Amino acid sequence: MTFFEASTWVVPVIVAITFHEAAHGFVARICGDLTAWRLGRVTLNPLKHIDPFGTLLLPGLLLLLRSPFLFGYAKPVPVNFSALRNPRRDMVLVALAGPIMNLALAMLAALAFHLVVDLPSPSQQWVARSLENALVLNVVLAAFNMLPLPPLDGGRVLVGVLPKALAAPLAALEPFGMLILVAILFLVPLLGVQLGVDLSIVGRLVATVTDAMIDAILRLTGNT
């Protein structure tokens, strides 16, 4: 990977993760929980949200290794669900805020494609590539975070809408959610390679959903 290619990922990664986490905190504040607000996490200052390993080193390493799947994370915004006015309903709203923000950023990136031709020639290629990366990254983050496994946003949405008898055992998985996710995304596919079987089911699902969403956004913004 050249310096040019790497540089076109820096701004999209920082913006996508910063806005995603700030959206969680903002909606939590609206719904009655001031935890993130008091800790200074309802902000667009990326330094408040960046995790040095999960936000910078891990995605950078995967890009350098030409990984087919980009994976990263930020410092999660703290939410006290018991402080929400309507905990089950508001949990869903807080969880959805992040992916919805990423989709909004993807739409803005796609709309901004139309402005690239008006930029000075030396900057057109860099800006176009950065916008392309922003579109793809934000859609991937939205789709990935909606996987139905706590602590991902999709898991918390599911906990909020399922009957309590089903929601409780799913919520109990949250402390182990990231380990389960790493196993599903990386260890199981590696086992499949050894067995000669394609076990990248979740990765292919996210890729399929991502491709469909990108195609829809490009059509909606007049880029096809």
Protein backbone atom coordinates (compact mmCIF):
# COMPACT_ATOMS: atom_id res chain seq x y z
CA MET A 1 0.00 0.00 0.00
CA THR A 2 1.35 3.42 -0.99
CA PHE A 3 1.27 6.51 1.22
CA PHE A 4 -1.34 7.98 -1.15
CA GLU A 5 -3.69 5.02 -0.68
CA ALA A 6 -3.22 4.98 3.10
CA SER A 7 -3.85 8.73 3.38
CA THR A 8 -7.24 8.43 1.67
CA TRP A 9 -8.44 6.23 4.55
CA VAL A 10 -7.38 8.43 7.48
CA VAL A 11 -10.11 11.10 7.31
CA PRO A 12 -12.94 8.64 6.46
CA VAL A 13 -12.03 6.34 9.38
CA ILE A 14 -11.77 9.16 11.93
CA VAL A 15 -14.96 10.89 10.77
CA ALA A 16 -17.01 7.68 10.55
CA ILE A 17 -16.09 6.46 14.03
CA THR A 18 -16.28 9.90 15.69
CA PHE A 19 -19.74 10.69 14.31
CA HIS A 20 -20.98 7.16 15.06
CA GLU A 21 -20.04 7.35 18.74
CA ALA A 22 -21.16 10.98 19.15
CA ALA A 23 -24.57 10.04 17.73
CA HIS A 24 -25.02 7.37 20.41
CA GLY A 25 -24.21 9.87 23.14
CA PHE A 26 -26.40 12.60 21.66
CA VAL A 27 -29.49 10.39 21.43
CA ALA A 28 -28.84 9.00 24.93
CA ARG A 29 -28.82 12.58 26.25
CA ILE A 30 -32.11 13.35 24.48
CA CYS A 31 -33.59 10.20 26.02
CA GLY A 32 -32.57 11.17 29.55
CA ASP A 33 -29.13 9.61 30.17
CA LEU A 34 -26.46 12.27 30.77
CA THR A 35 -23.60 9.82 31.37
CA ALA A 36 -21.83 10.38 28.03
CA TRP A 37 -22.55 14.11 28.16
CA ARG A 38 -20.91 14.49 31.60
CA LEU A 39 -17.86 12.54 30.40
CA GLY A 40 -17.43 14.77 27.36
CA ARG A 41 -18.31 12.04 24.87
CA VAL A 42 -21.11 13.96 23.11
CA THR A 43 -18.57 15.72 20.94
CA LEU A 44 -17.10 15.64 17.45
CA ASN A 45 -13.58 15.80 18.88
CA PRO A 46 -12.07 12.53 17.57
CA LEU A 47 -9.56 12.37 20.44
CA LYS A 48 -12.46 11.63 22.79
CA HIS A 49 -13.53 8.56 20.80
CA ILE A 50 -10.40 7.09 19.21
CA ASP A 51 -8.99 3.87 20.61
CA PRO A 52 -5.30 3.79 19.51
CA PHE A 53 -5.37 0.07 18.74
CA GLY A 54 -8.94 -0.48 17.57
CA THR A 55 -9.34 2.73 15.56
CA LEU A 56 -5.87 3.18 14.06
CA LEU A 57 -3.50 0.21 14.37
CA LEU A 58 -5.92 -2.66 13.72
CA PRO A 59 -7.62 -1.21 10.58
CA GLY A 60 -4.22 -0.03 9.32
CA LEU A 61 -2.74 -3.49 9.76
CA LEU A 62 -5.68 -5.12 7.97
CA LEU A 63 -5.34 -2.65 5.09
CA LEU A 64 -1.62 -3.32 4.80
CA LEU A 65 -2.29 -7.05 4.78
CA ARG A 66 -4.96 -6.58 2.08
CA SER A 67 -7.53 -8.21 4.34
CA PRO A 68 -10.87 -8.87 2.58
CA PHE A 69 -12.64 -7.62 5.71
CA LEU A 70 -11.95 -4.29 7.44
CA PHE A 71 -12.48 -4.39 11.19
CA GLY A 72 -12.03 -1.74 13.86
CA TYR A 73 -13.65 -0.12 16.84
CA ALA A 74 -13.68 3.02 18.99
CA LYS A 75 -14.07 3.61 22.70
CA PRO A 76 -17.72 2.71 23.31
CA VAL A 77 -19.89 5.56 24.53
CA PRO A 78 -21.06 4.75 28.09
CA VAL A 79 -24.84 4.50 28.37
CA ASN A 80 -26.72 3.95 31.62
CA PHE A 81 -29.82 2.25 30.26
CA SER A 82 -31.63 2.48 33.60
CA ALA A 83 -31.41 6.29 33.35
CA LEU A 84 -33.30 6.34 30.05
CA ARG A 85 -36.92 7.50 30.28
CA ASN A 86 -38.18 4.33 28.59
CA PRO A 87 -35.26 1.87 28.84
CA ARG A 88 -36.37 -0.75 26.31
CA ARG A 89 -37.58 1.71 23.68
CA ASP A 90 -34.75 4.19 24.20
CA MET A 91 -32.12 1.44 24.11
CA VAL A 92 -33.23 0.75 20.55
CA LEU A 93 -33.10 4.46 19.62
CA VAL A 94 -29.62 4.90 21.10
CA ALA A 95 -28.34 1.77 19.34
CA LEU A 96 -29.80 2.79 15.97
CA ALA A 97 -28.28 6.27 16.15
CA GLY A 98 -24.78 5.07 15.22
CA PRO A 99 -25.63 3.06 12.07
CA ILE A 100 -28.10 5.75 10.92
CA MET A 101 -25.36 8.36 11.26
CA ASN A 102 -23.02 6.19 9.18
CA LEU A 103 -25.64 5.86 6.45
CA ALA A 104 -26.13 9.64 6.47
CA LEU A 105 -22.37 10.13 6.09
CA ALA A 106 -22.35 7.62 3.21
CA MET A 107 -25.10 9.61 1.47
CA LEU A 108 -23.15 12.85 1.94
CA ALA A 109 -20.00 11.25 0.53
CA ALA A 110 -21.92 10.02 -2.52
CA LEU A 111 -23.49 13.45 -3.07
CA ALA A 112 -20.08 15.09 -2.77
CA PHE A 113 -18.85 13.05 -5.77
CA HIS A 114 -20.65 15.58 -7.96
CA LEU A 115 -18.42 18.40 -6.64
CA VAL A 116 -15.09 16.72 -7.39
CA VAL A 117 -14.97 18.00 -10.98
CA ASP A 118 -14.98 21.58 -9.67
CA LEU A 119 -11.84 21.07 -7.59
CA PRO A 120 -8.29 21.88 -8.77
CA SER A 121 -6.89 19.01 -10.83
CA PRO A 122 -4.09 18.02 -8.42
CA SER A 123 -6.58 17.32 -5.63
CA GLN A 124 -9.33 15.60 -7.61
CA GLN A 125 -7.93 12.08 -7.44
CA TRP A 126 -7.23 12.23 -3.69
CA VAL A 127 -10.63 13.69 -2.83
CA ALA A 128 -12.46 11.24 -5.11
CA ARG A 129 -10.67 8.27 -3.55
CA SER A 130 -11.31 9.59 -0.02
CA LEU A 131 -15.03 10.01 -0.78
CA GLU A 132 -15.17 6.52 -2.27
CA ASN A 133 -13.54 5.11 0.87
CA ALA A 134 -15.90 7.14 3.07
CA LEU A 135 -18.91 5.72 1.21
CA VAL A 136 -17.73 2.13 1.51
CA LEU A 137 -16.48 2.41 5.10
CA ASN A 138 -19.65 4.01 6.45
CA VAL A 139 -21.89 1.45 4.78
CA VAL A 140 -19.71 -1.40 6.06
CA LEU A 141 -19.83 0.04 9.59
CA ALA A 142 -23.61 0.40 9.43
CA ALA A 143 -24.10 -3.16 8.14
CA PHE A 144 -21.50 -4.68 10.47
CA ASN A 145 -22.85 -2.94 13.58
CA MET A 146 -26.35 -4.21 12.85
CA LEU A 147 -25.29 -7.84 13.26
CA PRO A 148 -27.63 -9.25 15.96
CA LEU A 149 -25.02 -9.82 18.65
CA PRO A 150 -24.46 -7.63 21.74
CA PRO A 151 -22.53 -5.37 22.24
CA LEU A 152 -23.02 -4.49 18.57
CA ASP A 153 -25.87 -2.08 17.87
CA GLY A 154 -27.94 -4.76 16.15
CA GLY A 155 -27.71 -6.95 19.24
CA ARG A 156 -28.93 -4.14 21.47
CA VAL A 157 -31.79 -3.39 19.08
CA LEU A 158 -32.77 -7.05 19.23
CA VAL A 159 -32.61 -7.04 23.05
CA GLY A 160 -34.90 -4.02 23.03
CA VAL A 161 -37.57 -5.50 20.77
CA LEU A 162 -37.62 -9.16 21.80
CA PRO A 163 -39.86 -10.41 24.61
CA LYS A 164 -38.01 -10.33 27.93
CA ALA A 165 -37.80 -14.14 28.06
CA LEU A 166 -35.72 -14.09 24.85
CA ALA A 167 -34.00 -10.75 25.41
CA ALA A 168 -32.42 -11.74 28.74
CA PRO A 169 -30.27 -14.66 27.47
CA LEU A 170 -29.21 -12.61 24.44
CA ALA A 171 -28.21 -9.68 26.67
CA ALA A 172 -26.21 -12.10 28.83
CA LEU A 173 -23.91 -12.72 25.84
CA GLU A 174 -22.68 -9.10 25.81
CA PRO A 175 -19.48 -9.68 27.86
CA PHE A 176 -18.47 -12.39 25.38
CA GLY A 177 -19.81 -10.72 22.23
CA MET A 178 -16.51 -9.43 20.84
CA LEU A 179 -14.81 -12.79 21.38
CA ILE A 180 -17.67 -14.56 19.61
CA LEU A 181 -17.45 -12.02 16.79
CA VAL A 182 -13.70 -12.47 16.32
CA ALA A 183 -14.20 -16.24 16.24
CA ILE A 184 -16.98 -15.99 13.64
CA LEU A 185 -15.14 -13.50 11.42
CA PHE A 186 -11.60 -14.83 11.59
CA LEU A 187 -11.13 -18.17 13.37
CA VAL A 188 -14.06 -20.06 11.81
CA PRO A 189 -13.06 -19.05 8.23
CA LEU A 190 -9.47 -20.11 8.95
CA LEU A 191 -10.77 -23.48 10.11
CA GLY A 192 -12.81 -23.69 6.92
CA VAL A 193 -9.67 -23.13 4.84
CA GLN A 194 -8.02 -26.06 6.59
CA LEU A 195 -11.09 -28.23 5.96
CA GLY A 196 -11.52 -27.05 2.37
CA VAL A 197 -14.93 -25.54 3.16
CA ASP A 198 -16.02 -21.92 2.85
CA LEU A 199 -17.16 -20.94 6.35
CA SER A 200 -17.03 -17.15 5.81
CA ILE A 201 -20.82 -16.98 6.13
CA VAL A 202 -21.04 -13.78 8.18
CA GLY A 203 -18.39 -12.04 6.09
CA ARG A 204 -20.23 -12.90 2.88
CA LEU A 205 -23.54 -11.76 4.40
CA VAL A 206 -22.09 -8.38 5.38
CA ALA A 207 -20.45 -8.05 1.94
CA THR A 208 -23.74 -8.84 0.16
CA VAL A 209 -25.71 -6.35 2.26
CA THR A 210 -22.98 -3.74 1.84
CA ASP A 211 -22.91 -4.10 -1.95
CA ALA A 212 -26.70 -3.75 -2.16
CA MET A 213 -26.71 -0.65 0.08
CA ILE A 214 -23.87 1.03 -1.83
CA ASP A 215 -25.66 0.38 -5.11
CA ALA A 216 -28.88 1.88 -3.70
CA ILE A 217 -27.06 4.97 -2.38
CA LEU A 218 -25.29 5.53 -5.69
CA ARG A 219 -28.60 5.31 -7.54
CA LEU A 220 -30.36 7.66 -5.09
CA THR A 221 -27.59 10.24 -5.42
CA GLY A 222 -27.43 10.08 -9.23
CA ASN A 223 -24.02 8.44 -9.47
CA THR A 224 -25.02 5.60 -11.82
